[in-house]
Amino acid sequence: MLKWIVILLIVAAVASLLGLNSLAGAAMTGAKILIAFVLVLFLLVALGIVAIA
């Protein structure tokens, strides 16, 4: 999951340098969604609500 976040952030950075603003925005939105998902999952595991086996 973290690998996909890094890939999307790199794609967003390269796209913004090349002037492809719509692609950069889409990649950044995908990265934000994945970051939020990972953060929520981390908090659920840290609080003991969800157990990952």
PDB file of N, CA and C in Angstrom:
ATOM      1  N   MET A   1       0.824  -1.186   0.000  1.00  0.00           N
ATOM      2  CA  MET A   1       0.000   0.000   0.000  1.00  0.00           C
ATOM      3  C   MET A   1       0.873   1.257   0.000  1.00  0.00           C
ATOM      4  N   LEU A   2       1.904   1.246   0.847  1.00  0.00           N
ATOM      5  CA  LEU A   2       2.791   2.404   0.891  1.00  0.00           C
ATOM      6  C   LEU A   2       3.559   2.566  -0.419  1.00  0.00           C
ATOM      7  N   LYS A   3       3.814   1.452  -1.080  1.00  0.00           N
ATOM      8  CA  LYS A   3       4.493   1.499  -2.379  1.00  0.00           C
ATOM      9  C   LYS A   3       3.640   2.262  -3.399  1.00  0.00           C
ATOM     10  N   TRP A   4       2.331   2.028  -3.386  1.00  0.00           N
ATOM     11  CA  TRP A   4       1.439   2.720  -4.310  1.00  0.00           C
ATOM     12  C   TRP A   4       1.370   4.212  -4.004  1.00  0.00           C
ATOM     13  N   ILE A   5       1.422   4.569  -2.723  1.00  0.00           N
ATOM     14  CA  ILE A   5       1.399   5.983  -2.347  1.00  0.00           C
ATOM     15  C   ILE A   5       2.627   6.689  -2.898  1.00  0.00           C
ATOM     16  N   VAL A   6       3.793   6.066  -2.743  1.00  0.00           N
ATOM     17  CA  VAL A   6       5.033   6.663  -3.242  1.00  0.00           C
ATOM     18  C   VAL A   6       4.996   6.775  -4.760  1.00  0.00           C
ATOM     19  N   ILE A   7       4.505   5.746  -5.438  1.00  0.00           N
ATOM     20  CA  ILE A   7       4.420   5.777  -6.901  1.00  0.00           C
ATOM     21  C   ILE A   7       3.500   6.905  -7.357  1.00  0.00           C
ATOM     22  N   LEU A   8       2.342   7.053  -6.714  1.00  0.00           N
ATOM     23  CA  LEU A   8       1.415   8.114  -7.094  1.00  0.00           C
ATOM     24  C   LEU A   8       1.995   9.502  -6.825  1.00  0.00           C
ATOM     25  N   LEU A   9       2.735   9.655  -5.739  1.00  0.00           N
ATOM     26  CA  LEU A   9       3.357  10.950  -5.454  1.00  0.00           C
ATOM     27  C   LEU A   9       4.436  11.284  -6.481  1.00  0.00           C
ATOM     28  N   ILE A  10       5.194  10.288  -6.921  1.00  0.00           N
ATOM     29  CA  ILE A  10       6.213  10.519  -7.956  1.00  0.00           C
ATOM     30  C   ILE A  10       5.550  10.873  -9.280  1.00  0.00           C
ATOM     31  N   VAL A  11       4.480  10.163  -9.619  1.00  0.00           N
ATOM     32  CA  VAL A  11       3.748  10.473 -10.857  1.00  0.00           C
ATOM     33  C   VAL A  11       3.196  11.890 -10.805  1.00  0.00           C
ATOM     34  N   ALA A  12       2.658  12.290  -9.654  1.00  0.00           N
ATOM     35  CA  ALA A  12       2.115  13.645  -9.518  1.00  0.00           C
ATOM     36  C   ALA A  12       3.218  14.691  -9.670  1.00  0.00           C
ATOM     37  N   ALA A  13       4.376  14.442  -9.089  1.00  0.00           N
ATOM     38  CA  ALA A  13       5.480  15.400  -9.181  1.00  0.00           C
ATOM     39  C   ALA A  13       5.981  15.531 -10.614  1.00  0.00           C
ATOM     40  N   VAL A  14       6.158  14.408 -11.297  1.00  0.00           N
ATOM     41  CA  VAL A  14       6.644  14.448 -12.673  1.00  0.00           C
ATOM     42  C   VAL A  14       5.609  15.088 -13.590  1.00  0.00           C
ATOM     43  N   ALA A  15       4.352  14.761 -13.398  1.00  0.00           N
ATOM     44  CA  ALA A  15       3.295  15.341 -14.233  1.00  0.00           C
ATOM     45  C   ALA A  15       3.191  16.849 -14.035  1.00  0.00           C
ATOM     46  N   SER A  16       3.366  17.297 -12.803  1.00  0.00           N
ATOM     47  CA  SER A  16       3.287  18.741 -12.576  1.00  0.00           C
ATOM     48  C   SER A  16       4.487  19.455 -13.176  1.00  0.00           C
ATOM     49  N   LEU A  17       5.654  18.820 -13.164  1.00  0.00           N
ATOM     50  CA  LEU A  17       6.825  19.419 -13.808  1.00  0.00           C
ATOM     51  C   LEU A  17       6.663  19.499 -15.320  1.00  0.00           C
ATOM     52  N   LEU A  18       5.941  18.544 -15.897  1.00  0.00           N
ATOM     53  CA  LEU A  18       5.720  18.535 -17.342  1.00  0.00           C
ATOM     54  C   LEU A  18       4.507  19.367 -17.755  1.00  0.00           C
ATOM     55  N   GLY A  19       3.793  19.920 -16.791  1.00  0.00           N
ATOM     56  CA  GLY A  19       2.655  20.765 -17.104  1.00  0.00           C
ATOM     57  C   GLY A  19       1.348  20.018 -17.306  1.00  0.00           C
ATOM     58  N   LEU A  20       1.293  18.787 -16.899  1.00  0.00           N
ATOM     59  CA  LEU A  20       0.071  17.987 -17.025  1.00  0.00           C
ATOM     60  C   LEU A  20      -0.711  18.087 -15.715  1.00  0.00           C
ATOM     61  N   ASN A  21      -1.405  19.195 -15.556  1.00  0.00           N
ATOM     62  CA  ASN A  21      -2.039  19.494 -14.278  1.00  0.00           C
ATOM     63  C   ASN A  21      -3.175  18.538 -13.932  1.00  0.00           C
ATOM     64  N   SER A  22      -3.938  18.112 -14.920  1.00  0.00           N
ATOM     65  CA  SER A  22      -5.058  17.214 -14.616  1.00  0.00           C
ATOM     66  C   SER A  22      -4.555  15.846 -14.163  1.00  0.00           C
ATOM     67  N   LEU A  23      -3.494  15.366 -14.796  1.00  0.00           N
ATOM     68  CA  LEU A  23      -2.912  14.087 -14.379  1.00  0.00           C
ATOM     69  C   LEU A  23      -2.279  14.201 -12.998  1.00  0.00           C
ATOM     70  N   ALA A  24      -1.613  15.314 -12.748  1.00  0.00           N
ATOM     71  CA  ALA A  24      -1.008  15.532 -11.432  1.00  0.00           C
ATOM     72  C   ALA A  24      -2.074  15.593 -10.349  1.00  0.00           C
ATOM     73  N   GLY A  25      -3.184  16.250 -10.639  1.00  0.00           N
ATOM     74  CA  GLY A  25      -4.273  16.332  -9.668  1.00  0.00           C
ATOM     75  C   GLY A  25      -4.901  14.979  -9.391  1.00  0.00           C
ATOM     76  N   ALA A  26      -5.062  14.188 -10.442  1.00  0.00           N
ATOM     77  CA  ALA A  26      -5.643  12.856 -10.264  1.00  0.00           C
ATOM     78  C   ALA A  26      -4.721  11.957  -9.448  1.00  0.00           C
ATOM     79  N   ALA A  27      -3.437  12.010  -9.722  1.00  0.00           N
ATOM     80  CA  ALA A  27      -2.473  11.193  -8.973  1.00  0.00           C
ATOM     81  C   ALA A  27      -2.417  11.639  -7.519  1.00  0.00           C
ATOM     82  N   MET A  28      -2.465  12.950  -7.297  1.00  0.00           N
ATOM     83  CA  MET A  28      -2.426  13.456  -5.927  1.00  0.00           C
ATOM     84  C   MET A  28      -3.687  13.078  -5.162  1.00  0.00           C
ATOM     85  N   THR A  29      -4.833  13.092  -5.829  1.00  0.00           N
ATOM     86  CA  THR A  29      -6.077  12.689  -5.183  1.00  0.00           C
ATOM     87  C   THR A  29      -6.036  11.210  -4.803  1.00  0.00           C
ATOM     88  N   GLY A  30      -5.521  10.380  -5.702  1.00  0.00           N
ATOM     89  CA  GLY A  30      -5.371   8.960  -5.384  1.00  0.00           C
ATOM     90  C   GLY A  30      -4.441   8.743  -4.210  1.00  0.00           C
ATOM     91  N   ALA A  31      -3.347   9.489  -4.162  1.00  0.00           N
ATOM     92  CA  ALA A  31      -2.409   9.366  -3.047  1.00  0.00           C
ATOM     93  C   ALA A  31      -3.057   9.813  -1.735  1.00  0.00           C
ATOM     94  N   LYS A  32      -3.835  10.881  -1.777  1.00  0.00           N
ATOM     95  CA  LYS A  32      -4.516  11.360  -0.566  1.00  0.00           C
ATOM     96  C   LYS A  32      -5.502  10.332  -0.043  1.00  0.00           C
ATOM     97  N   ILE A  33      -6.237   9.702  -0.952  1.00  0.00           N
ATOM     98  CA  ILE A  33      -7.206   8.679  -0.540  1.00  0.00           C
ATOM     99  C   ILE A  33      -6.500   7.495   0.103  1.00  0.00           C
ATOM    100  N   LEU A  34      -5.394   7.054  -0.497  1.00  0.00           N
ATOM    101  CA  LEU A  34      -4.654   5.927   0.069  1.00  0.00           C
ATOM    102  C   LEU A  34      -4.025   6.292   1.407  1.00  0.00           C
ATOM    103  N   ILE A  35      -3.526   7.516   1.538  1.00  0.00           N
ATOM    104  CA  ILE A  35      -2.954   7.944   2.814  1.00  0.00           C
ATOM    105  C   ILE A  35      -4.021   7.946   3.898  1.00  0.00           C
ATOM    106  N   ALA A  36      -5.210   8.437   3.576  1.00  0.00           N
ATOM    107  CA  ALA A  36      -6.298   8.452   4.554  1.00  0.00           C
ATOM    108  C   ALA A  36      -6.687   7.028   4.947  1.00  0.00           C
ATOM    109  N   PHE A  37      -6.743   6.126   3.973  1.00  0.00           N
ATOM    110  CA  PHE A  37      -7.094   4.730   4.257  1.00  0.00           C
ATOM    111  C   PHE A  37      -6.054   4.073   5.164  1.00  0.00           C
ATOM    112  N   VAL A  38      -4.770   4.299   4.870  1.00  0.00           N
ATOM    113  CA  VAL A  38      -3.700   3.721   5.686  1.00  0.00           C
ATOM    114  C   VAL A  38      -3.729   4.309   7.089  1.00  0.00           C
ATOM    115  N   LEU A  39      -3.992   5.608   7.199  1.00  0.00           N
ATOM    116  CA  LEU A  39      -4.046   6.243   8.515  1.00  0.00           C
ATOM    117  C   LEU A  39      -5.193   5.686   9.354  1.00  0.00           C
ATOM    118  N   VAL A  40      -6.359   5.534   8.757  1.00  0.00           N
ATOM    119  CA  VAL A  40      -7.506   4.979   9.486  1.00  0.00           C
ATOM    120  C   VAL A  40      -7.224   3.536   9.902  1.00  0.00           C
ATOM    121  N   LEU A  41      -6.664   2.750   9.009  1.00  0.00           N
ATOM    122  CA  LEU A  41      -6.335   1.365   9.339  1.00  0.00           C
ATOM    123  C   LEU A  41      -5.304   1.302  10.463  1.00  0.00           C
ATOM    124  N   PHE A  42      -4.297   2.173  10.410  1.00  0.00           N
ATOM    125  CA  PHE A  42      -3.288   2.207  11.462  1.00  0.00           C
ATOM    126  C   PHE A  42      -3.909   2.558  12.812  1.00  0.00           C
ATOM    127  N   LEU A  43      -4.795   3.545  12.828  1.00  0.00           N
ATOM    128  CA  LEU A  43      -5.426   3.925  14.081  1.00  0.00           C
ATOM    129  C   LEU A  43      -6.322   2.817  14.634  1.00  0.00           C
ATOM    130  N   LEU A  44      -7.033   2.116  13.766  1.00  0.00           N
ATOM    131  CA  LEU A  44      -7.862   1.003  14.221  1.00  0.00           C
ATOM    132  C   LEU A  44      -7.019  -0.114  14.823  1.00  0.00           C
ATOM    133  N   VAL A  45      -5.878  -0.389  14.223  1.00  0.00           N
ATOM    134  CA  VAL A  45      -4.990  -1.427  14.749  1.00  0.00           C
ATOM    135  C   VAL A  45      -4.342  -0.951  16.050  1.00  0.00           C
ATOM    136  N   ALA A  46      -3.917   0.310  16.094  1.00  0.00           N
ATOM    137  CA  ALA A  46      -3.258   0.844  17.288  1.00  0.00           C
ATOM    138  C   ALA A  46      -4.191   0.878  18.484  1.00  0.00           C
ATOM    139  N   LEU A  47      -5.462   1.140  18.252  1.00  0.00           N
ATOM    140  CA  LEU A  47      -6.423   1.175  19.348  1.00  0.00           C
ATOM    141  C   LEU A  47      -6.954  -0.215  19.706  1.00  0.00           C
ATOM    142  N   GLY A  48      -6.588  -1.221  18.956  1.00  0.00           N
ATOM    143  CA  GLY A  48      -6.991  -2.582  19.269  1.00  0.00           C
ATOM    144  C   GLY A  48      -8.386  -2.937  18.785  1.00  0.00           C
ATOM    145  N   ILE A  49      -8.952  -2.136  17.927  1.00  0.00           N
ATOM    146  CA  ILE A  49     -10.295  -2.411  17.431  1.00  0.00           C
ATOM    147  C   ILE A  49     -10.254  -3.485  16.354  1.00  0.00           C
ATOM    148  N   VAL A  50      -9.214  -3.474  15.547  1.00  0.00           N
ATOM    149  CA  VAL A  50      -9.054  -4.446  14.470  1.00  0.00           C
ATOM    150  C   VAL A  50      -7.745  -5.181  14.670  1.00  0.00           C
ATOM    151  N   ALA A  51      -7.767  -6.483  14.513  1.00  0.00           N
ATOM    152  CA  ALA A  51      -6.551  -7.275  14.644  1.00  0.00           C
ATOM    153  C   ALA A  51      -6.166  -7.809  13.272  1.00  0.00           C
ATOM    154  N   ILE A  52      -4.933  -7.582  12.894  1.00  0.00           N
ATOM    155  CA  ILE A  52      -4.428  -8.103  11.621  1.00  0.00           C
ATOM    156  C   ILE A  52      -3.578  -9.336  11.927  1.00  0.00           C
ATOM    157  N   ALA A  53      -3.999 -10.476  11.386  1.00  0.00           N
ATOM    158  CA  ALA A  53      -3.283 -11.725  11.663  1.00  0.00           C
ATOM    159  C   ALA A  53      -2.210 -11.974  10.642  1.00  0.00           C
TER     160      ALA A  53
END
